[in-house]
Amino acid sequence: MKIEIENLKAQMTGRELNIYQKADALIEFNKLLDYVNELEQLTIPVVVLRDCD
């Protein structure tokens, strides 16, 4: 899943945005936060190494 963050990048670099682009930047920021939250919820299986001698 690729999150579109072009307006957010423009906002963060100080470019002049119109009101709609600013609103899109906020939406993109919230989507990015949701995506990071989803990634944090992924479980990583525990791998146990055994000696097979």
PDB file of N, CA and C in Angstrom:
ATOM      1  N   MET A   1       0.843  -1.177   0.000  1.00  0.00           N
ATOM      2  CA  MET A   1       0.000   0.000   0.000  1.00  0.00           C
ATOM      3  C   MET A   1       0.886   1.236   0.000  1.00  0.00           C
ATOM      4  N   LYS A   2       0.727   2.081  -0.997  1.00  0.00           N
ATOM      5  CA  LYS A   2       1.513   3.294  -1.081  1.00  0.00           C
ATOM      6  C   LYS A   2       0.629   4.469  -0.673  1.00  0.00           C
ATOM      7  N   ILE A   3       1.078   5.164   0.335  1.00  0.00           N
ATOM      8  CA  ILE A   3       0.346   6.334   0.822  1.00  0.00           C
ATOM      9  C   ILE A   3       0.782   7.553   0.019  1.00  0.00           C
ATOM     10  N   GLU A   4      -0.181   8.286  -0.547  1.00  0.00           N
ATOM     11  CA  GLU A   4       0.127   9.512  -1.274  1.00  0.00           C
ATOM     12  C   GLU A   4       0.330  10.636  -0.263  1.00  0.00           C
ATOM     13  N   ILE A   5       1.513  11.232  -0.270  1.00  0.00           N
ATOM     14  CA  ILE A   5       1.811  12.293   0.708  1.00  0.00           C
ATOM     15  C   ILE A   5       2.423  13.529   0.040  1.00  0.00           C
ATOM     16  N   GLU A   6       2.092  13.762  -1.214  1.00  0.00           N
ATOM     17  CA  GLU A   6       2.692  14.897  -1.925  1.00  0.00           C
ATOM     18  C   GLU A   6       2.312  16.236  -1.298  1.00  0.00           C
ATOM     19  N   ASN A   7       1.061  16.418  -0.938  1.00  0.00           N
ATOM     20  CA  ASN A   7       0.647  17.677  -0.304  1.00  0.00           C
ATOM     21  C   ASN A   7       1.276  17.818   1.075  1.00  0.00           C
ATOM     22  N   LEU A   8       1.391  16.717   1.793  1.00  0.00           N
ATOM     23  CA  LEU A   8       2.020  16.750   3.108  1.00  0.00           C
ATOM     24  C   LEU A   8       3.487  17.146   2.987  1.00  0.00           C
ATOM     25  N   LYS A   9       4.193  16.565   2.006  1.00  0.00           N
ATOM     26  CA  LYS A   9       5.598  16.938   1.792  1.00  0.00           C
ATOM     27  C   LYS A   9       5.713  18.419   1.444  1.00  0.00           C
ATOM     28  N   ALA A  10       4.827  18.897   0.602  1.00  0.00           N
ATOM     29  CA  ALA A  10       4.857  20.303   0.215  1.00  0.00           C
ATOM     30  C   ALA A  10       4.607  21.203   1.429  1.00  0.00           C
ATOM     31  N   GLN A  11       3.665  20.812   2.272  1.00  0.00           N
ATOM     32  CA  GLN A  11       3.361  21.580   3.482  1.00  0.00           C
ATOM     33  C   GLN A  11       4.580  21.612   4.408  1.00  0.00           C
ATOM     34  N   MET A  12       5.230  20.481   4.569  1.00  0.00           N
ATOM     35  CA  MET A  12       6.364  20.387   5.489  1.00  0.00           C
ATOM     36  C   MET A  12       7.589  21.148   4.983  1.00  0.00           C
ATOM     37  N   THR A  13       7.707  21.302   3.678  1.00  0.00           N
ATOM     38  CA  THR A  13       8.855  22.028   3.137  1.00  0.00           C
ATOM     39  C   THR A  13       8.587  23.522   3.012  1.00  0.00           C
ATOM     40  N   GLY A  14       7.407  23.950   3.423  1.00  0.00           N
ATOM     41  CA  GLY A  14       7.108  25.379   3.452  1.00  0.00           C
ATOM     42  C   GLY A  14       6.566  25.959   2.166  1.00  0.00           C
ATOM     43  N   ARG A  15       6.174  25.106   1.219  1.00  0.00           N
ATOM     44  CA  ARG A  15       5.584  25.623  -0.017  1.00  0.00           C
ATOM     45  C   ARG A  15       4.236  26.252   0.269  1.00  0.00           C
ATOM     46  N   GLU A  16       3.886  27.232  -0.516  1.00  0.00           N
ATOM     47  CA  GLU A  16       2.595  27.908  -0.386  1.00  0.00           C
ATOM     48  C   GLU A  16       1.509  27.005  -0.974  1.00  0.00           C
ATOM     49  N   LEU A  17       0.536  26.643  -0.156  1.00  0.00           N
ATOM     50  CA  LEU A  17      -0.555  25.777  -0.592  1.00  0.00           C
ATOM     51  C   LEU A  17      -1.879  26.510  -0.473  1.00  0.00           C
ATOM     52  N   ASN A  18      -2.813  26.149  -1.345  1.00  0.00           N
ATOM     53  CA  ASN A  18      -4.152  26.718  -1.191  1.00  0.00           C
ATOM     54  C   ASN A  18      -4.893  25.935  -0.103  1.00  0.00           C
ATOM     55  N   ILE A  19      -6.064  26.376   0.237  1.00  0.00           N
ATOM     56  CA  ILE A  19      -6.826  25.784   1.342  1.00  0.00           C
ATOM     57  C   ILE A  19      -7.134  24.309   1.093  1.00  0.00           C
ATOM     58  N   TYR A  20      -7.381  23.943  -0.150  1.00  0.00           N
ATOM     59  CA  TYR A  20      -7.703  22.550  -0.483  1.00  0.00           C
ATOM     60  C   TYR A  20      -6.470  21.648  -0.343  1.00  0.00           C
ATOM     61  N   GLN A  21      -5.328  22.173  -0.757  1.00  0.00           N
ATOM     62  CA  GLN A  21      -4.091  21.412  -0.617  1.00  0.00           C
ATOM     63  C   GLN A  21      -3.728  21.238   0.860  1.00  0.00           C
ATOM     64  N   LYS A  22      -3.986  22.265   1.657  1.00  0.00           N
ATOM     65  CA  LYS A  22      -3.726  22.160   3.104  1.00  0.00           C
ATOM     66  C   LYS A  22      -4.631  21.107   3.737  1.00  0.00           C
ATOM     67  N   ALA A  23      -5.885  21.079   3.310  1.00  0.00           N
ATOM     68  CA  ALA A  23      -6.814  20.071   3.819  1.00  0.00           C
ATOM     69  C   ALA A  23      -6.360  18.677   3.393  1.00  0.00           C
ATOM     70  N   ASP A  24      -5.920  18.549   2.146  1.00  0.00           N
ATOM     71  CA  ASP A  24      -5.418  17.256   1.665  1.00  0.00           C
ATOM     72  C   ASP A  24      -4.175  16.835   2.441  1.00  0.00           C
ATOM     73  N   ALA A  25      -3.312  17.787   2.781  1.00  0.00           N
ATOM     74  CA  ALA A  25      -2.107  17.475   3.557  1.00  0.00           C
ATOM     75  C   ALA A  25      -2.486  16.915   4.926  1.00  0.00           C
ATOM     76  N   LEU A  26      -3.508  17.473   5.538  1.00  0.00           N
ATOM     77  CA  LEU A  26      -3.966  16.981   6.836  1.00  0.00           C
ATOM     78  C   LEU A  26      -4.552  15.572   6.709  1.00  0.00           C
ATOM     79  N   ILE A  27      -5.304  15.339   5.661  1.00  0.00           N
ATOM     80  CA  ILE A  27      -5.866  14.008   5.416  1.00  0.00           C
ATOM     81  C   ILE A  27      -4.741  13.006   5.176  1.00  0.00           C
ATOM     82  N   GLU A  28      -3.744  13.407   4.389  1.00  0.00           N
ATOM     83  CA  GLU A  28      -2.610  12.524   4.113  1.00  0.00           C
ATOM     84  C   GLU A  28      -1.844  12.205   5.403  1.00  0.00           C
ATOM     85  N   PHE A  29      -1.700  13.196   6.266  1.00  0.00           N
ATOM     86  CA  PHE A  29      -1.014  12.986   7.540  1.00  0.00           C
ATOM     87  C   PHE A  29      -1.763  11.962   8.382  1.00  0.00           C
ATOM     88  N   ASN A  30      -3.075  12.076   8.446  1.00  0.00           N
ATOM     89  CA  ASN A  30      -3.876  11.128   9.219  1.00  0.00           C
ATOM     90  C   ASN A  30      -3.819   9.728   8.621  1.00  0.00           C
ATOM     91  N   LYS A  31      -3.824   9.619   7.300  1.00  0.00           N
ATOM     92  CA  LYS A  31      -3.686   8.307   6.656  1.00  0.00           C
ATOM     93  C   LYS A  31      -2.326   7.695   6.967  1.00  0.00           C
ATOM     94  N   LEU A  32      -1.301   8.532   6.971  1.00  0.00           N
ATOM     95  CA  LEU A  32       0.044   8.049   7.288  1.00  0.00           C
ATOM     96  C   LEU A  32       0.115   7.551   8.725  1.00  0.00           C
ATOM     97  N   LEU A  33      -0.502   8.272   9.642  1.00  0.00           N
ATOM     98  CA  LEU A  33      -0.547   7.828  11.039  1.00  0.00           C
ATOM     99  C   LEU A  33      -1.286   6.497  11.172  1.00  0.00           C
ATOM    100  N   ASP A  34      -2.396   6.358  10.466  1.00  0.00           N
ATOM    101  CA  ASP A  34      -3.149   5.096  10.493  1.00  0.00           C
ATOM    102  C   ASP A  34      -2.309   3.943   9.953  1.00  0.00           C
ATOM    103  N   TYR A  35      -1.567   4.200   8.886  1.00  0.00           N
ATOM    104  CA  TYR A  35      -0.723   3.175   8.280  1.00  0.00           C
ATOM    105  C   TYR A  35       0.375   2.746   9.248  1.00  0.00           C
ATOM    106  N   VAL A  36       1.011   3.713   9.903  1.00  0.00           N
ATOM    107  CA  VAL A  36       2.058   3.400  10.877  1.00  0.00           C
ATOM    108  C   VAL A  36       1.469   2.601  12.029  1.00  0.00           C
ATOM    109  N   ASN A  37       0.280   2.969  12.465  1.00  0.00           N
ATOM    110  CA  ASN A  37      -0.394   2.250  13.543  1.00  0.00           C
ATOM    111  C   ASN A  37      -0.663   0.801  13.135  1.00  0.00           C
ATOM    112  N   GLU A  38      -1.095   0.583  11.887  1.00  0.00           N
ATOM    113  CA  GLU A  38      -1.312  -0.772  11.390  1.00  0.00           C
ATOM    114  C   GLU A  38      -0.017  -1.568  11.400  1.00  0.00           C
ATOM    115  N   LEU A  39       1.063  -0.949  10.973  1.00  0.00           N
ATOM    116  CA  LEU A  39       2.352  -1.638  10.961  1.00  0.00           C
ATOM    117  C   LEU A  39       2.785  -2.007  12.374  1.00  0.00           C
ATOM    118  N   GLU A  40       2.529  -1.148  13.329  1.00  0.00           N
ATOM    119  CA  GLU A  40       2.902  -1.433  14.708  1.00  0.00           C
ATOM    120  C   GLU A  40       2.098  -2.590  15.291  1.00  0.00           C
ATOM    121  N   GLN A  41       0.909  -2.841  14.750  1.00  0.00           N
ATOM    122  CA  GLN A  41       0.052  -3.906  15.257  1.00  0.00           C
ATOM    123  C   GLN A  41       0.439  -5.273  14.707  1.00  0.00           C
ATOM    124  N   LEU A  42       1.251  -5.295  13.662  1.00  0.00           N
ATOM    125  CA  LEU A  42       1.661  -6.578  13.095  1.00  0.00           C
ATOM    126  C   LEU A  42       2.468  -7.349  14.134  1.00  0.00           C
ATOM    127  N   THR A  43       2.182  -8.614  14.218  1.00  0.00           N
ATOM    128  CA  THR A  43       2.929  -9.437  15.165  1.00  0.00           C
ATOM    129  C   THR A  43       4.087 -10.096  14.448  1.00  0.00           C
ATOM    130  N   ILE A  44       5.180 -10.144  15.115  1.00  0.00           N
ATOM    131  CA  ILE A  44       6.364 -10.789  14.571  1.00  0.00           C
ATOM    132  C   ILE A  44       6.506 -12.121  15.293  1.00  0.00           C
ATOM    133  N   PRO A  45       6.464 -13.228  14.544  1.00  0.00           N
ATOM    134  CA  PRO A  45       6.549 -14.530  15.201  1.00  0.00           C
ATOM    135  C   PRO A  45       7.904 -14.716  15.891  1.00  0.00           C
ATOM    136  N   VAL A  46       7.852 -15.345  17.029  1.00  0.00           N
ATOM    137  CA  VAL A  46       9.068 -15.635  17.776  1.00  0.00           C
ATOM    138  C   VAL A  46       9.694 -16.893  17.184  1.00  0.00           C
ATOM    139  N   VAL A  47      10.950 -16.812  16.867  1.00  0.00           N
ATOM    140  CA  VAL A  47      11.664 -17.954  16.300  1.00  0.00           C
ATOM    141  C   VAL A  47      12.567 -18.512  17.383  1.00  0.00           C
ATOM    142  N   VAL A  48      12.398 -19.793  17.646  1.00  0.00           N
ATOM    143  CA  VAL A  48      13.223 -20.464  18.633  1.00  0.00           C
ATOM    144  C   VAL A  48      14.179 -21.395  17.914  1.00  0.00           C
ATOM    145  N   LEU A  49      15.452 -21.192  18.136  1.00  0.00           N
ATOM    146  CA  LEU A  49      16.448 -22.046  17.513  1.00  0.00           C
ATOM    147  C   LEU A  49      16.767 -23.189  18.462  1.00  0.00           C
ATOM    148  N   ARG A  50      16.734 -24.408  17.948  1.00  0.00           N
ATOM    149  CA  ARG A  50      17.049 -25.590  18.776  1.00  0.00           C
ATOM    150  C   ARG A  50      18.311 -26.231  18.258  1.00  0.00           C
ATOM    151  N   ASP A  51      19.011 -26.835  19.142  1.00  0.00           N
ATOM    152  CA  ASP A  51      20.189 -27.601  18.763  1.00  0.00           C
ATOM    153  C   ASP A  51      19.705 -28.958  18.258  1.00  0.00           C
ATOM    154  N   CYS A  52      20.020 -29.292  17.030  1.00  0.00           N
ATOM    155  CA  CYS A  52      19.527 -30.521  16.407  1.00  0.00           C
ATOM    156  C   CYS A  52      20.537 -31.670  16.478  1.00  0.00           C
ATOM    157  N   ASP A  53      21.462 -31.639  17.380  1.00  0.00           N
ATOM    158  CA  ASP A  53      22.461 -32.708  17.504  1.00  0.00           C
ATOM    159  C   ASP A  53      21.858 -33.968  18.032  1.00  0.00           C
TER     160      ASP A  53
END
